[in-house]
């Protein structure tokens, strides 16, 4: 009888945890069938995207890519630099990309660039950053908007950091030029392997809070399941399996 009561005691929280987590999982799947604009040849056209009605968007697609170069606006305008231009899918690790006839590893550094066309915005906007391998500087129209760690060209000159965060930036005109410096000598995966979100500040903050709540719910559910199995072991030690 004691064993049955213990099992019933822990089954109830597990059932409640499952019921709580399911709505969050279903929310994350909402809108998966929707067609989202993606970047083509380094340009992302958002002129028809209504941030108030359609929410934040991932800056995904083909970004310009310059391997083992940390470039700014002036450098990128030079003809010899343009000859080295490649395109890479974002989000995606740069491991395995073929540069000058050889596949690169996760170690190295690079410059990404993306031009975004959009309608002038009157409300505050923001970017949401997740994990990136493993230090970066993020510029918009020549202004440094965000960074993590210290970008460097060697293991000794860079400092890795992992700090998901939100950075505010409201474009003044109808175009944004993003330049992103990324360096990695500390992680097996290099590059932008998580999507960068852009949208209204209120929507970006809501998205961040939703992800935090979902993480806590998942952690809580796993904790309850762990306690449940420990309780079973305590009361049924003879059944080692």
Protein backbone atom coordinates (compact mmCIF):
# COMPACT_ATOMS: atom_id res chain seq x y z
CA UNK A 1 0.00 0.00 0.00
CA UNK A 2 2.86 2.37 0.80
CA UNK A 3 4.43 1.72 -2.58
CA UNK A 4 1.16 2.39 -4.39
CA UNK A 5 0.60 5.66 -2.53
CA UNK A 6 4.12 6.85 -3.38
CA UNK A 7 3.66 6.02 -7.04
CA UNK A 8 0.33 7.82 -7.15
CA UNK A 9 1.87 10.81 -5.38
CA UNK A 10 4.49 11.26 -8.10
CA UNK A 11 2.34 10.33 -11.06
CA UNK A 12 0.08 13.32 -10.42
CA UNK A 13 2.86 15.97 -10.73
CA UNK A 14 4.20 14.24 -13.84
CA UNK A 15 0.75 14.33 -15.43
CA UNK A 16 0.38 17.98 -14.50
CA UNK A 17 3.84 18.75 -15.91
CA UNK A 18 2.96 17.11 -19.22
CA UNK A 19 -0.29 19.07 -19.41
CA UNK A 20 1.57 22.32 -18.73
CA UNK A 21 4.34 21.77 -21.26
CA UNK A 22 2.14 20.68 -24.19
CA UNK A 23 0.61 24.16 -24.80
CA UNK A 24 4.11 25.69 -24.96
CA UNK A 25 5.27 23.09 -27.45
CA UNK A 26 2.20 23.66 -29.60
CA UNK A 27 2.82 27.42 -29.47
CA UNK A 28 6.32 27.00 -30.84
CA UNK A 29 4.90 25.16 -33.82
CA UNK A 30 2.40 27.88 -34.63
CA UNK A 31 2.88 29.32 -38.09
CA UNK A 32 5.39 26.71 -39.31
CA UNK A 33 3.55 26.48 -42.64
CA UNK A 34 3.86 30.22 -43.25
CA UNK A 35 6.14 31.48 -46.02
CA UNK A 36 8.89 33.66 -44.55
CA UNK A 37 11.16 35.90 -46.64
CA UNK A 38 14.76 34.67 -46.82
CA UNK A 39 17.93 36.40 -47.98
CA UNK A 40 19.09 35.85 -51.57
CA UNK A 41 22.65 36.69 -52.62
CA UNK A 42 23.18 38.79 -49.50
CA UNK A 43 19.92 40.78 -49.70
CA UNK A 44 16.80 40.29 -47.56
CA UNK A 45 13.68 42.07 -48.83
CA UNK A 46 11.27 42.86 -45.99
CA UNK A 47 9.42 45.73 -47.70
CA UNK A 48 6.19 43.70 -47.63
CA UNK A 49 6.64 42.40 -44.10
CA UNK A 50 4.33 43.94 -41.48
CA UNK A 51 6.05 43.58 -38.11
CA UNK A 52 2.92 44.64 -36.21
CA UNK A 53 0.72 42.01 -37.85
CA UNK A 54 3.21 39.24 -38.63
CA UNK A 55 5.66 39.53 -35.75
CA UNK A 56 9.46 39.06 -35.61
CA UNK A 57 11.40 37.40 -38.40
CA UNK A 58 14.60 35.37 -38.58
CA UNK A 59 17.39 36.93 -40.63
CA UNK A 60 17.92 33.68 -42.51
CA UNK A 61 19.17 32.84 -45.97
CA UNK A 62 22.27 33.64 -48.01
CA UNK A 63 24.66 36.08 -46.32
CA UNK A 64 27.88 37.37 -47.87
CA UNK A 65 30.86 35.55 -46.36
CA UNK A 66 34.52 36.56 -46.22
CA UNK A 67 36.77 33.92 -44.66
CA UNK A 68 39.70 34.95 -42.45
CA UNK A 69 38.92 38.63 -42.90
CA UNK A 70 37.52 41.19 -40.43
CA UNK A 71 36.15 43.90 -42.71
CA UNK A 72 34.29 47.19 -42.36
CA UNK A 73 32.25 49.31 -44.80
CA UNK A 74 35.34 50.78 -46.44
CA UNK A 75 37.09 47.43 -46.96
CA UNK A 76 33.97 45.79 -48.38
CA UNK A 77 33.76 48.43 -51.13
CA UNK A 78 37.17 47.50 -52.52
CA UNK A 79 37.21 45.48 -55.74
CA UNK A 80 39.84 42.95 -54.61
CA UNK A 81 37.72 42.16 -51.54
CA UNK A 82 34.62 41.68 -53.68
CA UNK A 83 36.45 39.00 -55.65
CA UNK A 84 36.77 36.96 -52.44
CA UNK A 85 33.04 37.17 -51.73
CA UNK A 86 31.21 33.91 -51.04
CA UNK A 87 27.71 33.19 -49.82
CA UNK A 88 26.81 31.05 -46.82
CA UNK A 89 23.50 29.92 -45.37
CA UNK A 90 22.53 31.42 -42.01
CA UNK A 91 21.87 29.86 -39.58
CA UNK A 92 24.47 27.18 -40.30
CA UNK A 93 27.94 26.27 -39.07
CA UNK A 94 30.81 27.13 -41.35
CA UNK A 95 32.47 23.75 -40.76
CA UNK A 96 32.90 21.93 -44.06
CA UNK A 97 32.63 25.00 -46.28
CA UNK A 98 35.04 24.76 -49.20
CA UNK A 99 37.39 27.79 -49.29
CA UNK A 100 40.18 27.89 -51.89
CA UNK A 101 39.79 24.20 -52.56
CA UNK A 102 39.85 22.97 -48.97
CA UNK A 103 37.23 22.29 -46.33
CA UNK A 104 37.53 24.54 -43.30
CA UNK A 105 37.14 23.41 -39.70
CA UNK A 106 35.39 25.17 -36.83
CA UNK A 107 38.50 27.21 -35.98
CA UNK A 108 38.90 30.56 -37.67
CA UNK A 109 37.28 33.96 -38.16
CA UNK A 110 35.15 35.62 -40.81
CA UNK A 111 32.99 38.57 -41.80
CA UNK A 112 29.32 38.20 -42.66
CA UNK A 113 27.28 40.89 -44.42
CA UNK A 114 23.56 41.24 -45.10
CA UNK A 115 21.59 44.08 -46.68
CA UNK A 116 17.98 44.40 -45.49
CA UNK A 117 15.30 46.37 -47.34
CA UNK A 118 12.29 47.36 -45.25
CA UNK A 119 9.67 50.02 -44.67
CA UNK A 120 10.71 52.87 -42.30
CA UNK A 121 9.78 51.91 -38.73
CA UNK A 122 8.25 54.27 -36.18
CA UNK A 123 8.19 51.88 -33.21
CA UNK A 124 11.25 50.64 -31.27
CA UNK A 125 12.84 47.54 -32.80
CA UNK A 126 15.30 44.96 -31.48
CA UNK A 127 17.48 41.98 -32.35
CA UNK A 128 17.45 38.72 -30.39
CA UNK A 129 20.71 36.76 -30.25
CA UNK A 130 21.17 33.16 -29.15
CA UNK A 131 24.32 31.05 -29.30
CA UNK A 132 27.08 31.83 -31.78
CA UNK A 133 30.47 30.18 -32.15
CA UNK A 134 31.97 31.69 -30.18
CA UNK A 135 32.58 35.49 -30.11
CA UNK A 136 31.06 38.18 -32.31
CA UNK A 137 30.64 41.88 -33.03
CA UNK A 138 27.41 43.04 -34.69
CA UNK A 139 27.22 46.32 -36.65
CA UNK A 140 24.21 47.97 -38.29
CA UNK A 141 24.84 50.85 -40.71
CA UNK A 142 28.31 51.31 -39.25
CA UNK A 143 27.15 51.37 -35.61
CA UNK A 144 28.13 48.59 -33.19
CA UNK A 145 24.83 47.32 -31.80
CA UNK A 146 25.92 44.23 -29.88
CA UNK A 147 28.81 41.91 -29.10
CA UNK A 148 29.76 38.81 -27.14
CA UNK A 149 33.27 38.04 -25.98
CA UNK A 150 36.29 39.48 -27.78
CA UNK A 151 36.75 38.80 -31.50
CA UNK A 152 40.30 37.90 -32.48
CA UNK A 153 42.31 36.25 -35.23
CA UNK A 154 44.03 33.70 -32.95
CA UNK A 155 43.16 31.64 -29.87
CA UNK A 156 45.29 33.98 -27.76
CA UNK A 157 43.66 37.22 -28.95
CA UNK A 158 40.02 36.17 -28.64
CA UNK A 159 37.75 35.51 -25.67
CA UNK A 160 34.66 33.28 -26.10
CA UNK A 161 31.34 34.08 -24.46
CA UNK A 162 27.84 32.63 -24.50
CA UNK A 163 25.20 35.19 -23.53
CA UNK A 164 21.78 35.06 -25.21
CA UNK A 165 20.38 38.58 -25.12
CA UNK A 166 18.30 41.29 -26.79
CA UNK A 167 19.76 44.44 -28.36
CA UNK A 168 17.62 47.42 -29.32
CA UNK A 169 18.00 49.12 -32.69
CA UNK A 170 15.44 51.12 -34.69
CA UNK A 171 16.46 51.79 -38.32
CA UNK A 172 16.03 55.40 -39.42
CA UNK A 173 15.55 54.69 -43.13
CA UNK A 174 14.45 51.91 -45.42
CA UNK A 175 17.70 49.97 -45.48
CA UNK A 176 20.01 48.26 -43.00
CA UNK A 177 23.48 46.97 -43.73
CA UNK A 178 24.56 44.37 -41.20
CA UNK A 179 28.22 43.48 -40.77
CA UNK A 180 28.99 40.63 -38.41
CA UNK A 181 32.47 39.61 -37.24
CA UNK A 182 32.70 36.08 -35.83
CA UNK A 183 35.75 34.25 -34.47
CA UNK A 184 36.07 30.79 -32.94
CA UNK A 185 38.99 28.79 -31.58
CA UNK A 186 37.22 27.22 -28.59
CA UNK A 187 34.23 25.29 -29.93
CA UNK A 188 34.02 22.45 -32.43
CA UNK A 189 31.34 24.40 -34.34
CA UNK A 190 32.05 27.82 -35.81
CA UNK A 191 29.78 30.44 -37.31
CA UNK A 192 26.20 31.63 -36.93
CA UNK A 193 24.37 28.41 -36.08
CA UNK A 194 21.36 29.96 -34.32
CA UNK A 195 18.88 32.33 -36.00
CA UNK A 196 19.06 36.06 -35.32
CA UNK A 197 15.55 37.43 -34.76
CA UNK A 198 14.46 40.98 -35.63
CA UNK A 199 11.17 42.65 -34.75
CA UNK A 200 9.33 45.08 -32.50
CA UNK A 201 10.83 45.39 -29.01
CA UNK A 202 7.58 44.24 -27.39
CA UNK A 203 7.41 41.11 -29.58
CA UNK A 204 11.10 40.28 -29.13
CA UNK A 205 10.82 40.59 -25.33
CA UNK A 206 7.70 38.44 -25.36
CA UNK A 207 9.51 35.82 -27.43
CA UNK A 208 12.44 35.84 -24.99
CA UNK A 209 10.11 35.46 -21.99
CA UNK A 210 8.27 32.61 -23.72
CA UNK A 211 11.55 30.77 -24.31
CA UNK A 212 12.59 31.27 -20.68
CA UNK A 213 9.29 29.93 -19.37
CA UNK A 214 9.50 26.95 -21.71
CA UNK A 215 13.04 26.20 -20.49
CA UNK A 216 11.94 26.34 -16.85
CA UNK A 217 8.93 24.10 -17.53
CA UNK A 218 11.10 21.53 -19.31
CA UNK A 219 13.65 21.64 -16.48
CA UNK A 220 10.91 21.27 -13.86
CA UNK A 221 9.34 18.33 -15.69
CA UNK A 222 12.69 16.53 -15.98
CA UNK A 223 13.35 17.20 -12.28
CA UNK A 224 9.98 15.71 -11.30
CA UNK A 225 10.60 12.63 -13.46
CA UNK A 226 14.05 12.24 -11.85
CA UNK A 227 12.60 12.44 -8.32
CA UNK A 228 9.91 9.94 -9.32
CA UNK A 229 12.48 7.36 -10.41
CA UNK A 230 14.58 7.93 -7.31
CA UNK A 231 11.48 7.28 -5.19
CA UNK A 232 10.81 4.04 -7.06
CA UNK A 233 14.41 2.92 -6.47
CA UNK A 234 14.23 3.72 -2.74
CA UNK A 235 11.09 1.62 -2.27
CA UNK A 236 12.06 -1.20 -4.65
CA UNK A 237 15.81 -1.65 -4.13
CA UNK A 238 15.67 -5.39 -4.72
CA UNK A 239 14.55 -4.88 -8.33
CA UNK A 240 17.84 -3.50 -9.63
CA UNK A 241 16.64 -3.27 -13.25
